Amino acid sequence: MTDESAADVLVHDAHAASPTTAFALSRLADPDTLHHTPIGVLRSVERPVYDTQMADQLDTAVEQHGKGDLAALLAGGDTWTVVG
């Protein structure tokens, strides 16, 4: 392989921040070219988990505002009447 042709070779990084190359590779599967179907791990990145972020957000709210009291909220004077 010459230096010119080596520069034209795409080396995929499954840990890349951008999903562009992984998405493009996932679209290469074509019934007419089964021998060129990419297989393996196309994307593998570390990202925050929803449960962890939600628990952190709740902990921060309790630290800043204290633990809420649902009964006091429901019995509070800040109410309105819906007329229909």
N, C-alpha and C. Protein backbone atom coordinates (compact mmCIF):
# COMPACT_ATOMS: atom_id res chain seq x y z
N MET A 1 0.85 -1.17 0.00
CA MET A 1 0.00 0.00 0.00
C MET A 1 0.90 1.24 0.00
N THR A 2 0.62 2.16 -0.86
CA THR A 2 1.43 3.38 -0.95
C THR A 2 0.94 4.40 0.07
N ASP A 3 1.74 5.42 0.30
CA ASP A 3 1.35 6.47 1.24
C ASP A 3 0.10 7.20 0.77
N GLU A 4 -0.05 7.35 -0.56
CA GLU A 4 -1.24 8.02 -1.10
C GLU A 4 -2.48 7.21 -0.81
N SER A 5 -2.47 5.92 -1.05
CA SER A 5 -3.66 5.10 -0.82
C SER A 5 -3.91 4.89 0.67
N ALA A 6 -2.86 4.90 1.49
CA ALA A 6 -3.05 4.77 2.93
C ALA A 6 -3.79 5.97 3.49
N ALA A 7 -3.60 7.14 2.91
CA ALA A 7 -4.29 8.34 3.38
C ALA A 7 -5.78 8.27 3.07
N ASP A 8 -6.17 7.46 2.09
CA ASP A 8 -7.57 7.33 1.70
C ASP A 8 -8.32 6.29 2.53
N VAL A 9 -7.65 5.57 3.41
CA VAL A 9 -8.27 4.52 4.21
C VAL A 9 -8.90 5.14 5.46
N LEU A 10 -10.15 4.81 5.70
CA LEU A 10 -10.85 5.30 6.88
C LEU A 10 -10.63 4.31 8.02
N VAL A 11 -10.12 4.79 9.12
CA VAL A 11 -9.97 3.97 10.32
C VAL A 11 -11.04 4.43 11.30
N HIS A 12 -11.97 3.55 11.58
CA HIS A 12 -13.11 3.91 12.43
C HIS A 12 -12.74 3.82 13.90
N ASP A 13 -13.15 4.82 14.67
CA ASP A 13 -12.96 4.85 16.12
C ASP A 13 -14.33 4.79 16.78
N ALA A 14 -14.68 3.65 17.38
CA ALA A 14 -16.00 3.48 18.00
C ALA A 14 -16.20 4.40 19.20
N HIS A 15 -15.11 4.96 19.74
CA HIS A 15 -15.19 5.82 20.90
C HIS A 15 -15.18 7.31 20.53
N ALA A 16 -15.26 7.64 19.27
CA ALA A 16 -15.25 9.04 18.82
C ALA A 16 -16.47 9.77 19.37
N ALA A 17 -16.29 11.05 19.67
CA ALA A 17 -17.39 11.86 20.22
C ALA A 17 -18.53 12.02 19.23
N SER A 18 -18.21 12.14 17.96
CA SER A 18 -19.23 12.34 16.93
C SER A 18 -19.77 10.98 16.44
N PRO A 19 -21.09 10.85 16.31
CA PRO A 19 -21.67 9.59 15.84
C PRO A 19 -21.72 9.47 14.31
N THR A 20 -21.20 10.45 13.60
CA THR A 20 -21.34 10.51 12.14
C THR A 20 -20.80 9.27 11.42
N THR A 21 -19.56 8.89 11.72
CA THR A 21 -18.97 7.75 11.01
C THR A 21 -19.68 6.45 11.35
N ALA A 22 -20.03 6.27 12.62
CA ALA A 22 -20.74 5.05 13.02
C ALA A 22 -22.09 4.96 12.30
N PHE A 23 -22.79 6.07 12.18
CA PHE A 23 -24.07 6.07 11.48
C PHE A 23 -23.87 5.74 10.01
N ALA A 24 -22.86 6.34 9.39
CA ALA A 24 -22.59 6.05 7.98
C ALA A 24 -22.26 4.58 7.77
N LEU A 25 -21.46 4.01 8.66
CA LEU A 25 -21.14 2.58 8.55
C LEU A 25 -22.39 1.71 8.70
N SER A 26 -23.30 2.11 9.58
CA SER A 26 -24.51 1.32 9.80
C SER A 26 -25.42 1.30 8.57
N ARG A 27 -25.25 2.26 7.67
CA ARG A 27 -26.06 2.35 6.46
C ARG A 27 -25.44 1.61 5.28
N LEU A 28 -24.29 1.00 5.45
CA LEU A 28 -23.61 0.33 4.35
C LEU A 28 -24.22 -1.03 4.00
N ALA A 29 -24.98 -1.62 4.90
CA ALA A 29 -25.56 -2.94 4.64
C ALA A 29 -26.52 -2.84 3.45
N ASP A 30 -26.26 -3.61 2.43
CA ASP A 30 -27.06 -3.59 1.22
C ASP A 30 -27.21 -5.03 0.73
N PRO A 31 -28.42 -5.45 0.42
CA PRO A 31 -28.61 -6.84 -0.04
C PRO A 31 -27.75 -7.21 -1.25
N ASP A 32 -27.41 -6.23 -2.08
CA ASP A 32 -26.58 -6.52 -3.26
C ASP A 32 -25.11 -6.67 -2.92
N THR A 33 -24.69 -6.20 -1.75
CA THR A 33 -23.28 -6.26 -1.36
C THR A 33 -23.12 -6.89 0.01
N LEU A 34 -23.69 -8.06 0.20
CA LEU A 34 -23.65 -8.71 1.51
C LEU A 34 -22.22 -8.94 2.00
N HIS A 35 -21.29 -9.09 1.11
CA HIS A 35 -19.92 -9.33 1.53
C HIS A 35 -19.25 -8.06 2.05
N HIS A 36 -19.94 -6.90 2.01
CA HIS A 36 -19.39 -5.65 2.52
C HIS A 36 -20.18 -5.13 3.72
N THR A 37 -20.97 -5.95 4.34
CA THR A 37 -21.76 -5.52 5.49
C THR A 37 -20.88 -5.36 6.72
N PRO A 38 -20.86 -4.17 7.31
CA PRO A 38 -20.05 -3.98 8.51
C PRO A 38 -20.65 -4.71 9.70
N ILE A 39 -19.80 -5.31 10.51
CA ILE A 39 -20.25 -5.99 11.73
C ILE A 39 -19.34 -5.56 12.87
N GLY A 40 -19.81 -5.74 14.06
CA GLY A 40 -19.00 -5.41 15.23
C GLY A 40 -19.56 -4.19 15.96
N VAL A 41 -18.77 -3.64 16.83
CA VAL A 41 -19.17 -2.48 17.62
C VAL A 41 -18.92 -1.23 16.78
N LEU A 42 -19.99 -0.53 16.43
CA LEU A 42 -19.85 0.68 15.63
C LEU A 42 -19.75 1.92 16.50
N ARG A 43 -20.33 1.88 17.69
CA ARG A 43 -20.30 3.04 18.58
C ARG A 43 -20.30 2.58 20.02
N SER A 44 -19.36 3.09 20.80
CA SER A 44 -19.24 2.75 22.21
C SER A 44 -18.72 3.97 22.95
N VAL A 45 -19.62 4.73 23.57
CA VAL A 45 -19.22 5.94 24.28
C VAL A 45 -19.79 5.93 25.69
N GLU A 46 -19.06 6.56 26.61
CA GLU A 46 -19.53 6.71 27.98
C GLU A 46 -20.42 7.94 28.06
N ARG A 47 -21.62 7.78 28.56
CA ARG A 47 -22.54 8.90 28.71
C ARG A 47 -23.25 8.76 30.04
N PRO A 48 -23.72 9.88 30.60
CA PRO A 48 -24.44 9.80 31.87
C PRO A 48 -25.73 8.98 31.73
N VAL A 49 -26.08 8.32 32.80
CA VAL A 49 -27.29 7.51 32.84
C VAL A 49 -28.43 8.38 33.40
N TYR A 50 -29.61 8.26 32.82
CA TYR A 50 -30.76 9.07 33.23
C TYR A 50 -31.03 8.95 34.73
N ASP A 51 -31.05 7.73 35.26
CA ASP A 51 -31.36 7.52 36.68
C ASP A 51 -30.40 8.30 37.58
N THR A 52 -29.12 8.28 37.23
CA THR A 52 -28.11 8.98 38.03
C THR A 52 -28.32 10.48 37.96
N GLN A 53 -28.58 11.00 36.77
CA GLN A 53 -28.82 12.44 36.63
C GLN A 53 -30.07 12.87 37.40
N MET A 54 -31.12 12.07 37.35
CA MET A 54 -32.37 12.40 38.04
C MET A 54 -32.15 12.38 39.55
N ALA A 55 -31.45 11.39 40.07
CA ALA A 55 -31.18 11.33 41.50
C ALA A 55 -30.33 12.52 41.95
N ASP A 56 -29.34 12.90 41.14
CA ASP A 56 -28.52 14.07 41.46
C ASP A 56 -29.36 15.35 41.48
N GLN A 57 -30.27 15.48 40.53
CA GLN A 57 -31.13 16.66 40.47
C GLN A 57 -32.04 16.72 41.69
N LEU A 58 -32.60 15.59 42.11
CA LEU A 58 -33.46 15.58 43.30
C LEU A 58 -32.66 15.91 44.56
N ASP A 59 -31.45 15.36 44.67
CA ASP A 59 -30.60 15.66 45.82
C ASP A 59 -30.27 17.15 45.89
N THR A 60 -29.98 17.75 44.76
CA THR A 60 -29.67 19.18 44.71
C THR A 60 -30.88 20.01 45.13
N ALA A 61 -32.07 19.63 44.67
CA ALA A 61 -33.29 20.37 45.02
C ALA A 61 -33.57 20.28 46.52
N VAL A 62 -33.36 19.13 47.12
CA VAL A 62 -33.58 18.97 48.56
C VAL A 62 -32.55 19.79 49.34
N GLU A 63 -31.30 19.81 48.87
CA GLU A 63 -30.27 20.61 49.53
C GLU A 63 -30.60 22.10 49.48
N GLN A 64 -31.10 22.56 48.35
CA GLN A 64 -31.37 23.99 48.17
C GLN A 64 -32.67 24.44 48.82
N HIS A 65 -33.71 23.60 48.81
CA HIS A 65 -35.04 24.02 49.24
C HIS A 65 -35.60 23.22 50.41
N GLY A 66 -34.92 22.20 50.83
CA GLY A 66 -35.42 21.34 51.90
C GLY A 66 -36.41 20.33 51.34
N LYS A 67 -36.78 19.39 52.19
CA LYS A 67 -37.72 18.36 51.75
C LYS A 67 -39.12 18.95 51.70
N GLY A 68 -39.85 18.68 50.64
CA GLY A 68 -41.20 19.24 50.46
C GLY A 68 -42.22 18.58 51.37
N ASP A 69 -43.34 19.27 51.56
CA ASP A 69 -44.44 18.77 52.38
C ASP A 69 -45.71 18.83 51.54
N LEU A 70 -46.14 17.69 51.01
CA LEU A 70 -47.29 17.63 50.12
C LEU A 70 -48.57 18.08 50.82
N ALA A 71 -48.78 17.67 52.07
CA ALA A 71 -49.99 18.05 52.80
C ALA A 71 -50.07 19.57 52.97
N ALA A 72 -48.94 20.20 53.29
CA ALA A 72 -48.93 21.66 53.44
C ALA A 72 -49.20 22.33 52.10
N LEU A 73 -48.69 21.79 51.05
CA LEU A 73 -48.91 22.35 49.72
C LEU A 73 -50.39 22.28 49.35
N LEU A 74 -51.02 21.13 49.61
CA LEU A 74 -52.43 20.96 49.25
C LEU A 74 -53.36 21.79 50.13
N ALA A 75 -52.96 22.02 51.39
CA ALA A 75 -53.80 22.80 52.32
C ALA A 75 -53.46 24.27 52.30
N GLY A 76 -52.50 24.67 51.49
CA GLY A 76 -52.07 26.07 51.44
C GLY A 76 -53.15 26.99 50.91
N GLY A 77 -52.95 28.27 51.11
CA GLY A 77 -53.95 29.26 50.72
C GLY A 77 -53.82 29.72 49.28
N ASP A 78 -52.80 29.29 48.58
CA ASP A 78 -52.60 29.73 47.21
C ASP A 78 -53.36 28.80 46.29
N THR A 79 -54.69 29.00 46.17
CA THR A 79 -55.53 28.14 45.36
C THR A 79 -56.38 28.97 44.41
N TRP A 80 -57.09 28.33 43.52
CA TRP A 80 -58.00 29.01 42.62
C TRP A 80 -59.20 28.12 42.37
N THR A 81 -60.25 28.71 41.86
CA THR A 81 -61.49 27.99 41.57
C THR A 81 -61.69 27.97 40.07
N VAL A 82 -61.97 26.79 39.55
CA VAL A 82 -62.21 26.65 38.12
C VAL A 82 -63.73 26.70 37.93
N VAL A 83 -64.16 27.64 37.11
CA VAL A 83 -65.58 27.80 36.85
C VAL A 83 -65.83 27.27 35.45
N GLY A 84 -66.79 26.39 35.33
CA GLY A 84 -67.01 25.81 34.01
C GLY A 84 -68.35 25.88 33.60
